[in-house]
Amino acid sequence: MTKTPDILCIGSLLWDVIGRSASSMRLGSDVPGRITRIPGGVAMNIAMTLTRFDLVPALLTAVGKDEEGRELLTAANRMGMITDYVYLSEDLPTDVYMAVEGANGLIAAIADAHSLEAAGDKILGPLADGTFGSRQVPYKGLVALDGNLTETLLEEISHSPLFSLADLRVAPASPGKAERLTPLLKHPSATFYVNLEEAGYLCQRDFGSAPEAALALVKRGAFRAMVSDGGNMAALGDKETLLTAQPPEIMVSRVTGAGDTFMAAHIAAENRGETGSTALEAALTAAAHYVSGETPL
């Protein structure tokens, strides 16, 4: 029997191909390092962290009916995720993300999420066919949504009755896709998890600090806004409060997936009853452990 999920993770499930070097890098650098291939994608990264906190996520995404897709689903099942509702495509290949990281951070990345985009609203079927909800009886639980979906689909989700009662948690896939999330500022209960650069794209201005950015996002309509800024102060704001916390000092060994870990850890903290500053600090600690390499891949 399929377990009942604690949260629906909607977005990208793909292979992360990451090249990492201990050297600082610049354009044209050719250095020794390690190359890994691991399950990834924003929705998958969030789900992986949630399973470490004993939550059961269900994935609503798309993969190809190819060897890469079968491997991904097997890995997800092994980690405790529900994959019964993943849209399987006969003619679309499984998506891939490729990045290069140096001692000075992310150097470059390319996200090939074209199959997810092409699948469109087919991945949302279980929210409409009565599996988790319908237009008449919308889903009321937690939903983690990532910005790899198309602008058109994100616009539809922002006012769709299928999501009207959901506790929606939103993450951009990258700074370059942050503006896609603008329609979701209208959602009555969406919490945004962004970094300082992504907040700038959403508000179309530069910010000097996370507290400033969180306040601006709330002013633009966000129900709640969680803003991180690397090793600098993070902030969580809503229409009534603004909370801040300083991340732990750590040695950075990886950066891809850090924001997704931060978001998932905060969701898990609130799910177990933590609130306010306590939940914020728990999320920062989990993200620090991940970035430092203490959390295994």
Protein backbone atom coordinates (compact mmCIF):
# COMPACT_ATOMS: atom_id res chain seq x y z
CA MET A 1 0.00 0.00 0.00
CA THR A 2 1.26 3.47 -0.87
CA LYS A 3 1.99 5.67 2.13
CA THR A 4 0.14 8.94 2.64
CA PRO A 5 2.57 11.78 1.86
CA ASP A 6 3.38 14.51 4.36
CA ILE A 7 4.11 16.96 1.54
CA LEU A 8 3.90 17.19 -2.24
CA CYS A 9 7.12 18.25 -3.98
CA ILE A 10 6.33 19.72 -7.40
CA GLY A 11 9.08 20.54 -9.87
CA SER A 12 12.31 19.13 -11.20
CA LEU A 13 13.68 15.62 -10.78
CA LEU A 14 16.85 15.13 -12.81
CA TRP A 15 20.48 14.09 -12.73
CA ASP A 16 22.96 16.55 -11.21
CA VAL A 17 26.35 16.33 -12.92
CA ILE A 18 28.66 18.42 -10.71
CA GLY A 19 32.35 19.12 -11.22
CA ARG A 20 34.07 20.35 -8.04
CA SER A 21 37.60 21.61 -7.55
CA ALA A 22 39.44 22.77 -4.43
CA SER A 23 41.03 25.50 -6.57
CA SER A 24 39.63 28.97 -7.18
CA MET A 25 38.42 29.22 -10.77
CA ARG A 26 37.70 31.81 -13.42
CA LEU A 27 36.62 31.81 -17.06
CA GLY A 28 38.79 29.34 -18.96
CA SER A 29 40.21 27.56 -15.88
CA ASP A 30 41.32 23.95 -16.39
CA VAL A 31 41.94 22.35 -12.99
CA PRO A 32 41.88 18.94 -11.31
CA GLY A 33 38.81 17.97 -9.31
CA ARG A 34 36.01 15.44 -8.95
CA ILE A 35 32.92 14.91 -11.10
CA THR A 36 29.81 13.34 -9.56
CA ARG A 37 26.44 12.27 -10.91
CA ILE A 38 23.70 12.23 -8.29
CA PRO A 39 19.91 12.59 -8.17
CA GLY A 40 18.98 16.27 -8.11
CA GLY A 41 16.60 18.98 -9.20
CA VAL A 42 15.01 21.48 -6.83
CA ALA A 43 11.98 19.35 -5.94
CA MET A 44 14.20 16.30 -5.49
CA ASN A 45 16.74 18.16 -3.33
CA ILE A 46 13.94 19.40 -1.10
CA ALA A 47 12.45 15.91 -0.90
CA MET A 48 15.82 14.34 -0.04
CA THR A 49 16.26 16.70 2.90
CA LEU A 50 12.69 16.11 4.07
CA THR A 51 13.29 12.36 4.20
CA ARG A 52 16.29 12.98 6.48
CA PHE A 53 13.81 14.59 8.87
CA ASP A 54 11.53 11.53 8.66
CA LEU A 55 8.92 13.16 6.43
CA VAL A 56 7.40 11.32 3.46
CA PRO A 57 7.33 13.43 0.28
CA ALA A 58 5.45 12.57 -2.90
CA LEU A 59 7.00 13.77 -6.15
CA LEU A 60 4.88 15.42 -8.83
CA THR A 61 7.24 15.77 -11.76
CA ALA A 62 8.12 14.29 -15.13
CA VAL A 63 10.84 11.87 -16.22
CA GLY A 64 11.43 10.00 -19.43
CA LYS A 65 10.78 6.30 -19.88
CA ASP A 66 14.50 5.86 -20.38
CA GLU A 67 17.28 4.27 -18.35
CA GLU A 68 18.11 7.59 -16.67
CA GLY A 69 14.49 8.01 -15.59
CA ARG A 70 14.24 4.47 -14.23
CA GLU A 71 17.44 4.98 -12.24
CA LEU A 72 16.11 8.21 -10.74
CA LEU A 73 12.81 6.66 -9.66
CA THR A 74 14.61 3.70 -8.12
CA ALA A 75 16.88 6.07 -6.17
CA ALA A 76 13.91 8.16 -5.00
CA ASN A 77 12.00 5.09 -3.83
CA ARG A 78 15.06 3.83 -2.00
CA MET A 79 15.26 7.13 -0.10
CA GLY A 80 11.64 6.88 1.02
CA MET A 81 9.87 9.11 -1.50
CA ILE A 82 6.57 8.31 -3.18
CA THR A 83 6.97 8.19 -6.96
CA ASP A 84 3.62 6.63 -7.92
CA TYR A 85 2.34 9.93 -9.30
CA VAL A 86 5.33 10.93 -11.45
CA TYR A 87 4.37 11.61 -15.06
CA LEU A 88 6.28 9.20 -17.31
CA SER A 89 6.88 10.40 -20.85
CA GLU A 90 7.32 8.11 -23.84
CA ASP A 91 9.03 10.74 -25.99
CA LEU A 92 10.74 13.18 -23.61
CA PRO A 93 14.22 12.43 -22.19
CA THR A 94 15.00 12.71 -18.48
CA ASP A 95 16.31 16.17 -17.58
CA VAL A 96 19.91 17.00 -16.55
CA TYR A 97 21.65 19.78 -14.58
CA MET A 98 25.36 20.43 -15.04
CA ALA A 99 27.47 22.71 -12.83
CA VAL A 100 31.09 23.57 -12.11
CA GLU A 101 32.10 24.66 -8.61
CA GLY A 102 35.43 25.97 -7.35
CA ALA A 103 36.77 27.12 -4.00
CA ASN A 104 35.27 30.51 -4.85
CA GLY A 105 31.74 29.11 -5.32
CA LEU A 106 29.57 28.29 -8.32
CA ILE A 107 31.40 29.09 -11.56
CA ALA A 108 28.73 28.16 -14.10
CA ALA A 109 25.68 25.94 -14.49
CA ILE A 110 23.25 24.81 -17.17
CA ALA A 111 19.82 23.40 -16.33
CA ASP A 112 18.21 21.31 -19.07
CA ALA A 113 14.67 21.06 -17.68
CA HIS A 114 12.96 21.11 -21.07
CA SER A 115 11.09 17.85 -20.50
CA LEU A 116 9.51 19.14 -17.29
CA GLU A 117 8.47 22.30 -19.12
CA ALA A 118 7.07 20.30 -22.04
CA ALA A 119 5.05 18.06 -19.71
CA GLY A 120 3.27 21.16 -18.39
CA ASP A 121 0.15 20.65 -16.28
CA LYS A 122 0.19 16.87 -16.84
CA ILE A 123 2.29 16.62 -13.67
CA LEU A 124 -0.56 18.19 -11.65
CA GLY A 125 -3.10 15.47 -12.48
CA PRO A 126 -3.23 13.99 -8.93
CA LEU A 127 -4.30 17.38 -7.56
CA ALA A 128 -7.31 17.47 -9.86
CA ASP A 129 -8.47 13.86 -10.24
CA GLY A 130 -9.35 13.23 -6.60
CA THR A 131 -6.09 11.52 -5.64
CA PHE A 132 -5.06 14.44 -3.44
CA GLY A 133 -7.83 16.90 -4.23
CA SER A 134 -10.00 18.45 -6.91
CA ARG A 135 -11.37 21.83 -7.93
CA GLN A 136 -14.33 21.26 -5.63
CA VAL A 137 -12.27 19.93 -2.71
CA PRO A 138 -8.77 21.48 -2.97
CA TYR A 139 -5.71 19.95 -1.36
CA LYS A 140 -5.09 21.50 2.08
CA GLY A 141 -1.61 20.18 2.87
CA LEU A 142 1.99 21.25 2.36
CA VAL A 143 3.24 21.83 -1.17
CA ALA A 144 6.84 22.61 -2.12
CA LEU A 145 6.89 24.22 -5.57
CA ASP A 146 9.95 25.10 -7.64
CA GLY A 147 10.52 27.64 -10.39
CA ASN A 148 11.51 25.17 -13.10
CA LEU A 149 7.89 25.13 -14.25
CA THR A 150 6.96 27.43 -17.11
CA GLU A 151 5.78 30.99 -16.54
CA THR A 152 2.40 30.03 -17.97
CA LEU A 153 1.95 27.13 -15.55
CA LEU A 154 3.13 29.16 -12.55
CA GLU A 155 0.64 31.88 -13.50
CA GLU A 156 -2.14 29.26 -13.61
CA ILE A 157 -1.12 27.84 -10.24
CA SER A 158 -1.20 31.32 -8.65
CA HIS A 159 -4.99 31.53 -9.06
CA SER A 160 -5.97 27.88 -9.53
CA PRO A 161 -8.60 26.50 -7.12
CA LEU A 162 -6.43 23.36 -6.91
CA PHE A 163 -3.89 25.34 -4.84
CA SER A 164 -6.23 27.79 -3.11
CA LEU A 165 -6.07 26.07 0.30
CA ALA A 166 -2.54 24.66 0.11
CA ASP A 167 0.28 25.67 2.45
CA LEU A 168 2.46 26.64 -0.49
CA ARG A 169 6.26 26.86 -0.12
CA VAL A 170 7.98 28.36 -3.15
CA ALA A 171 11.60 28.25 -4.33
CA PRO A 172 13.16 29.63 -7.51
CA ALA A 173 15.27 27.17 -9.47
CA SER A 174 17.96 29.83 -9.94
CA PRO A 175 18.31 33.62 -9.92
CA GLY A 176 17.64 33.62 -13.66
CA LYS A 177 14.24 31.98 -13.12
CA ALA A 178 13.22 33.97 -10.03
CA GLU A 179 11.00 36.37 -11.95
CA ARG A 180 8.86 33.43 -13.05
CA LEU A 181 7.53 33.32 -9.50
CA THR A 182 6.09 36.85 -9.59
CA PRO A 183 2.45 35.69 -10.12
CA LEU A 184 2.66 33.61 -6.92
CA LEU A 185 3.04 36.81 -4.88
CA LYS A 186 -0.75 36.92 -5.19
CA HIS A 187 -1.25 33.53 -3.52
CA PRO A 188 -2.85 33.94 -0.05
CA SER A 189 -0.51 31.57 1.80
CA ALA A 190 2.72 31.26 -0.20
CA THR A 191 6.02 31.36 1.65
CA PHE A 192 8.95 32.36 -0.58
CA TYR A 193 12.45 30.95 0.02
CA VAL A 194 14.97 33.05 -1.91
CA ASN A 195 18.50 34.35 -1.67
CA LEU A 196 19.38 38.03 -1.86
CA GLU A 197 19.93 38.00 -5.62
CA GLU A 198 16.65 36.20 -6.30
CA ALA A 199 14.78 38.65 -4.07
CA GLY A 200 16.26 41.45 -6.18
CA TYR A 201 14.91 39.92 -9.38
CA LEU A 202 11.45 39.49 -7.85
CA CYS A 203 11.38 43.09 -6.65
CA GLN A 204 13.34 44.50 -9.62
CA ARG A 205 15.85 46.29 -7.38
CA ASP A 206 19.07 45.61 -5.48
CA PHE A 207 19.15 44.93 -1.75
CA GLY A 208 21.92 45.42 0.75
CA SER A 209 20.67 42.88 3.29
CA ALA A 210 18.26 39.99 3.78
CA PRO A 211 15.99 41.90 6.23
CA GLU A 212 15.56 44.69 3.69
CA ALA A 213 14.71 42.16 0.98
CA ALA A 214 12.24 40.22 3.14
CA LEU A 215 10.32 43.39 3.98
CA ALA A 216 10.21 44.40 0.33
CA LEU A 217 8.82 41.01 -0.74
CA VAL A 218 6.08 41.20 1.86
CA LYS A 219 5.27 44.70 0.69
CA ARG A 220 4.98 43.33 -2.87
CA GLY A 221 2.36 40.85 -1.68
CA ALA A 222 4.17 37.78 -0.36
CA PHE A 223 2.43 36.09 2.56
CA ARG A 224 5.87 35.27 4.02
CA ALA A 225 9.42 35.69 2.75
CA MET A 226 12.53 33.83 3.87
CA VAL A 227 15.71 35.42 2.51
CA SER A 228 19.22 33.98 2.82
CA ASP A 229 22.52 35.72 2.03
CA GLY A 230 25.30 33.15 2.21
CA GLY A 231 27.22 33.59 5.45
CA ASN A 232 25.49 36.88 6.21
CA MET A 233 22.33 37.46 8.23
CA ALA A 234 19.15 35.69 7.04
CA ALA A 235 15.62 37.00 7.57
CA LEU A 236 12.04 35.77 7.75
CA GLY A 237 9.30 38.33 7.36
CA ASP A 238 5.53 38.55 7.17
CA LYS A 239 3.04 41.36 7.54
CA GLU A 240 3.48 41.49 11.32
CA THR A 241 7.03 40.39 12.18
CA LEU A 242 10.61 40.36 10.95
CA LEU A 243 12.99 37.76 12.36
CA THR A 244 16.73 37.60 11.72
CA ALA A 245 19.48 35.08 12.46
CA GLN A 246 23.18 34.67 11.69
CA PRO A 247 24.26 31.43 9.97
CA PRO A 248 26.98 29.36 11.68
CA GLU A 249 30.53 29.98 10.45
CA ILE A 250 31.68 27.03 8.32
CA MET A 251 34.18 26.01 5.66
CA VAL A 252 32.32 25.83 2.34
CA SER A 253 32.83 22.58 0.41
CA ARG A 254 29.77 22.66 -1.89
CA VAL A 255 27.00 25.08 -2.83
CA THR A 256 24.63 23.33 -5.26
CA GLY A 257 21.51 22.35 -3.32
CA ALA A 258 22.19 24.56 -0.29
CA GLY A 259 19.10 26.72 -0.76
CA ASP A 260 16.89 23.67 -1.23
CA THR A 261 18.28 22.17 1.99
CA PHE A 262 17.60 25.45 3.83
CA MET A 263 13.99 25.47 2.64
CA ALA A 264 13.33 21.82 3.44
CA ALA A 265 14.87 22.10 6.91
CA HIS A 266 12.62 25.06 7.71
CA ILE A 267 9.54 23.18 6.51
CA ALA A 268 10.55 20.19 8.64
CA ALA A 269 11.16 22.39 11.69
CA GLU A 270 7.71 23.97 11.43
CA ASN A 271 6.14 20.57 10.82
CA ARG A 272 7.50 19.32 14.14
CA GLY A 273 6.10 22.35 15.95
CA GLU A 274 8.99 24.80 15.97
CA THR A 275 8.14 28.39 15.13
CA GLY A 276 9.72 31.80 14.59
CA SER A 277 13.40 32.18 15.39
CA THR A 278 13.75 28.55 16.48
CA ALA A 279 12.65 27.23 13.06
CA LEU A 280 14.81 29.81 11.25
CA GLU A 281 17.92 28.84 13.22
CA ALA A 282 17.23 25.13 12.67
CA ALA A 283 17.12 25.75 8.91
CA LEU A 284 20.37 27.72 8.94
CA THR A 285 22.12 25.00 10.94
CA ALA A 286 20.97 22.28 8.53
CA ALA A 287 22.09 24.33 5.53
CA ALA A 288 25.48 24.96 7.17
CA HIS A 289 25.99 21.22 7.74
CA TYR A 290 25.16 20.59 4.09
CA VAL A 291 27.45 23.30 2.69
CA SER A 292 30.32 22.18 4.92
CA GLY A 293 30.00 18.61 3.63
CA GLU A 294 28.90 17.16 6.96
CA THR A 295 25.58 16.04 5.48
CA PRO A 296 26.17 13.05 3.16
CA LEU A 297 24.94 13.16 -0.43
